[in-house]
Amino acid sequence: MKPERVFVGLGSNLGDAHASLQRARAALAALPQTQLLKVSPVYRSAPVDAAGPDFLNAVAELETSLSPPALLHALQAIEQAQGRERPYRHAPRTLDLDLLLWGQQVIETPELVVPHPRLAQRAFVLLPLLALAPGLVHPRLGPLAALQPAVAGQRIERLPDAANAIARPGR
């Protein structure tokens, strides 16, 4: 399969969320047929449609030759390895990995929908994604930067650079 540029959302709000994101970064870098290109700065955000502590969020840019279902299963295995449980929808979590974009493809299967259906409604996805790729274009909605005003009312803050160690190689 030809390598494809994909973006994965990372989130955690249970336990040591920062350590969870660091472990997720290392696990993404170790995936077969996949290269971790960049990781966005870390953001702190309020849960959306849920209760619980604030989330730490980031977005990773990958280049992969895995198929979309194979990458999805690999992401789910990384979540499981970090103790992810799914007791109910929008439950707090040790780690959440979401496949956000797969190049300019639109994928709609019972198991996977890409672009992520709520990508444009979530500041905790949109802002880290734009930090990585300011000119990124959604295959259906157009330039992602134009979607930013729709999430302006959501509470989110970019953590200071000292707290962004997951974005730097070799950590």
Protein backbone atom coordinates (compact mmCIF):
# COMPACT_ATOMS: atom_id res chain seq x y z
CA MET A 1 0.00 0.00 0.00
CA LYS A 2 1.23 3.51 -0.86
CA PRO A 3 2.21 5.56 2.23
CA GLU A 4 -0.48 8.02 3.29
CA ARG A 5 -0.33 11.12 5.51
CA VAL A 6 -2.70 10.64 8.46
CA PHE A 7 -3.52 12.55 11.62
CA VAL A 8 -4.34 10.96 14.98
CA GLY A 9 -5.87 12.75 17.96
CA LEU A 10 -4.43 11.92 21.40
CA GLY A 11 -6.33 12.60 24.62
CA SER A 12 -6.17 11.63 28.28
CA ASN A 13 -7.89 12.75 31.46
CA LEU A 14 -7.27 9.93 33.95
CA GLY A 15 -4.12 9.15 35.90
CA ASP A 16 -0.92 10.86 34.76
CA ALA A 17 -2.32 12.25 31.50
CA HIS A 18 0.99 13.74 30.39
CA ALA A 19 2.79 10.39 30.84
CA SER A 20 -0.04 8.69 28.93
CA LEU A 21 0.50 11.04 25.99
CA GLN A 22 4.26 10.43 26.12
CA ARG A 23 3.74 6.64 26.07
CA ALA A 24 1.25 7.01 23.20
CA ARG A 25 3.80 9.04 21.23
CA ALA A 26 6.41 6.31 21.72
CA ALA A 27 3.91 3.60 20.72
CA LEU A 28 2.94 5.52 17.56
CA ALA A 29 6.62 5.91 16.65
CA ALA A 30 7.07 2.14 17.01
CA LEU A 31 4.18 1.12 14.72
CA PRO A 32 5.21 -1.03 11.76
CA GLN A 33 5.16 0.53 8.29
CA THR A 34 4.61 3.89 9.97
CA GLN A 35 6.72 6.97 10.57
CA LEU A 36 5.83 9.52 13.23
CA LEU A 37 6.42 12.87 11.51
CA LYS A 38 5.36 15.43 14.13
CA VAL A 39 3.32 15.87 17.29
CA SER A 40 1.50 19.10 18.09
CA PRO A 41 1.89 21.06 21.29
CA VAL A 42 -0.19 19.81 24.22
CA TYR A 43 -3.45 21.54 25.06
CA ARG A 44 -5.61 21.39 28.19
CA SER A 45 -9.34 21.40 27.53
CA ALA A 46 -12.62 20.89 29.31
CA PRO A 47 -14.45 17.64 28.58
CA VAL A 48 -17.07 17.98 25.83
CA ASP A 49 -20.42 16.24 26.37
CA ALA A 50 -18.97 14.58 29.49
CA ALA A 51 -18.01 15.05 33.12
CA GLY A 52 -14.61 14.49 34.67
CA PRO A 53 -11.23 16.19 34.88
CA ASP A 54 -9.78 18.32 32.12
CA PHE A 55 -8.17 16.53 29.19
CA LEU A 56 -4.67 16.88 27.84
CA ASN A 57 -4.80 16.69 24.04
CA ALA A 58 -2.40 16.65 21.10
CA VAL A 59 -2.40 15.54 17.47
CA ALA A 60 0.18 13.33 15.78
CA GLU A 61 1.02 13.41 12.10
CA LEU A 62 2.03 10.03 10.68
CA GLU A 63 2.96 8.58 7.35
CA THR A 64 1.79 4.98 7.11
CA SER A 65 1.53 2.12 4.67
CA LEU A 66 -0.91 0.32 6.95
CA SER A 67 -4.50 0.04 5.78
CA PRO A 68 -7.09 2.17 7.61
CA PRO A 69 -8.54 -0.86 9.47
CA ALA A 70 -5.03 -2.06 10.42
CA LEU A 71 -4.10 1.37 11.81
CA LEU A 72 -7.42 1.59 13.69
CA HIS A 73 -6.76 -1.80 15.32
CA ALA A 74 -3.20 -0.74 16.19
CA LEU A 75 -4.53 2.45 17.83
CA GLN A 76 -7.07 0.43 19.82
CA ALA A 77 -4.30 -1.94 20.96
CA ILE A 78 -2.26 1.05 22.19
CA GLU A 79 -5.31 2.30 24.12
CA GLN A 80 -5.86 -1.15 25.64
CA ALA A 81 -2.19 -1.41 26.66
CA GLN A 82 -2.68 1.82 28.65
CA GLY A 83 -5.74 0.54 30.47
CA ARG A 84 -8.45 2.11 28.33
CA GLU A 85 -11.92 1.05 29.40
CA ARG A 86 -15.19 1.87 27.66
CA PRO A 87 -17.82 1.62 30.41
CA TYR A 88 -20.08 4.19 28.70
CA ARG A 89 -20.02 6.78 25.92
CA HIS A 90 -17.73 9.78 26.68
CA ALA A 91 -16.36 8.15 29.85
CA PRO A 92 -13.14 9.58 31.28
CA ARG A 93 -10.15 7.72 29.84
CA THR A 94 -6.51 6.93 30.37
CA LEU A 95 -5.95 7.29 26.63
CA ASP A 96 -8.07 8.06 23.60
CA LEU A 97 -6.62 7.78 20.09
CA ASP A 98 -8.84 8.94 17.23
CA LEU A 99 -8.09 8.61 13.54
CA LEU A 100 -8.90 12.16 12.36
CA LEU A 101 -7.83 12.40 8.71
CA TRP A 102 -6.52 9.93 6.13
CA GLY A 103 -5.03 12.08 3.40
CA GLN A 104 -7.94 13.46 1.41
CA GLN A 105 -9.89 10.21 1.60
CA VAL A 106 -13.41 9.81 2.90
CA ILE A 107 -13.89 6.43 4.59
CA GLU A 108 -17.29 5.29 5.79
CA THR A 109 -17.54 1.74 7.10
CA PRO A 110 -19.41 0.30 10.08
CA GLU A 111 -16.09 0.27 11.97
CA LEU A 112 -14.48 3.53 10.86
CA VAL A 113 -15.55 6.99 9.70
CA VAL A 114 -12.82 9.34 8.44
CA PRO A 115 -12.61 12.32 8.52
CA HIS A 116 -13.62 12.08 12.16
CA PRO A 117 -17.28 13.17 12.22
CA ARG A 118 -16.85 15.71 15.07
CA LEU A 119 -13.43 17.06 14.05
CA ALA A 120 -14.83 20.49 13.11
CA GLN A 121 -16.82 20.81 16.35
CA ARG A 122 -13.99 20.25 18.82
CA ALA A 123 -11.39 22.88 19.70
CA PHE A 124 -9.24 20.18 21.33
CA VAL A 125 -8.88 18.56 17.90
CA LEU A 126 -8.94 21.57 15.62
CA LEU A 127 -6.36 23.75 17.39
CA PRO A 128 -3.62 21.08 17.72
CA LEU A 129 -4.32 20.00 14.13
CA LEU A 130 -3.91 23.57 12.88
CA ALA A 131 -0.74 23.97 14.97
CA LEU A 132 0.76 21.05 12.99
CA ALA A 133 -0.63 21.87 9.56
CA PRO A 134 -2.09 25.40 9.30
CA GLY A 135 -3.04 24.96 5.63
CA LEU A 136 -4.74 21.59 6.06
CA VAL A 137 -7.91 21.06 4.03
CA HIS A 138 -10.78 18.82 5.11
CA PRO A 139 -11.96 16.72 2.12
CA ARG A 140 -15.59 17.80 2.62
CA LEU A 141 -15.49 21.04 4.62
CA GLY A 142 -12.56 22.83 3.03
CA PRO A 143 -9.77 24.73 4.83
CA LEU A 144 -9.67 23.81 8.52
CA ALA A 145 -8.60 27.33 9.51
CA ALA A 146 -11.99 28.60 8.35
CA LEU A 147 -13.69 26.29 10.88
CA GLN A 148 -11.90 27.78 13.89
CA PRO A 149 -14.53 30.46 14.73
CA ALA A 150 -17.12 27.72 15.35
CA VAL A 151 -15.11 26.41 18.34
CA ALA A 152 -14.01 29.78 19.73
CA GLY A 153 -16.27 29.50 22.79
CA GLN A 154 -14.77 26.22 24.03
CA ARG A 155 -12.35 26.36 26.97
CA ILE A 156 -8.88 25.33 25.82
CA GLU A 157 -5.32 26.46 26.57
CA ARG A 158 -2.02 25.60 24.97
CA LEU A 159 0.38 24.45 27.66
CA PRO A 160 3.70 26.29 28.01
CA ASP A 161 6.55 24.91 25.92
CA ALA A 162 8.18 23.31 28.97
CA ALA A 163 5.11 21.07 29.33
CA ASN A 164 5.22 20.03 25.68
CA ALA A 165 7.96 17.40 25.88
CA ILE A 166 5.88 14.88 23.93
CA ALA A 167 6.24 17.05 20.83
CA ARG A 168 10.03 16.85 20.82
CA PRO A 169 11.87 13.89 19.27
CA GLY A 170 13.91 11.64 21.48
CA ARG A 171 11.74 11.95 24.57
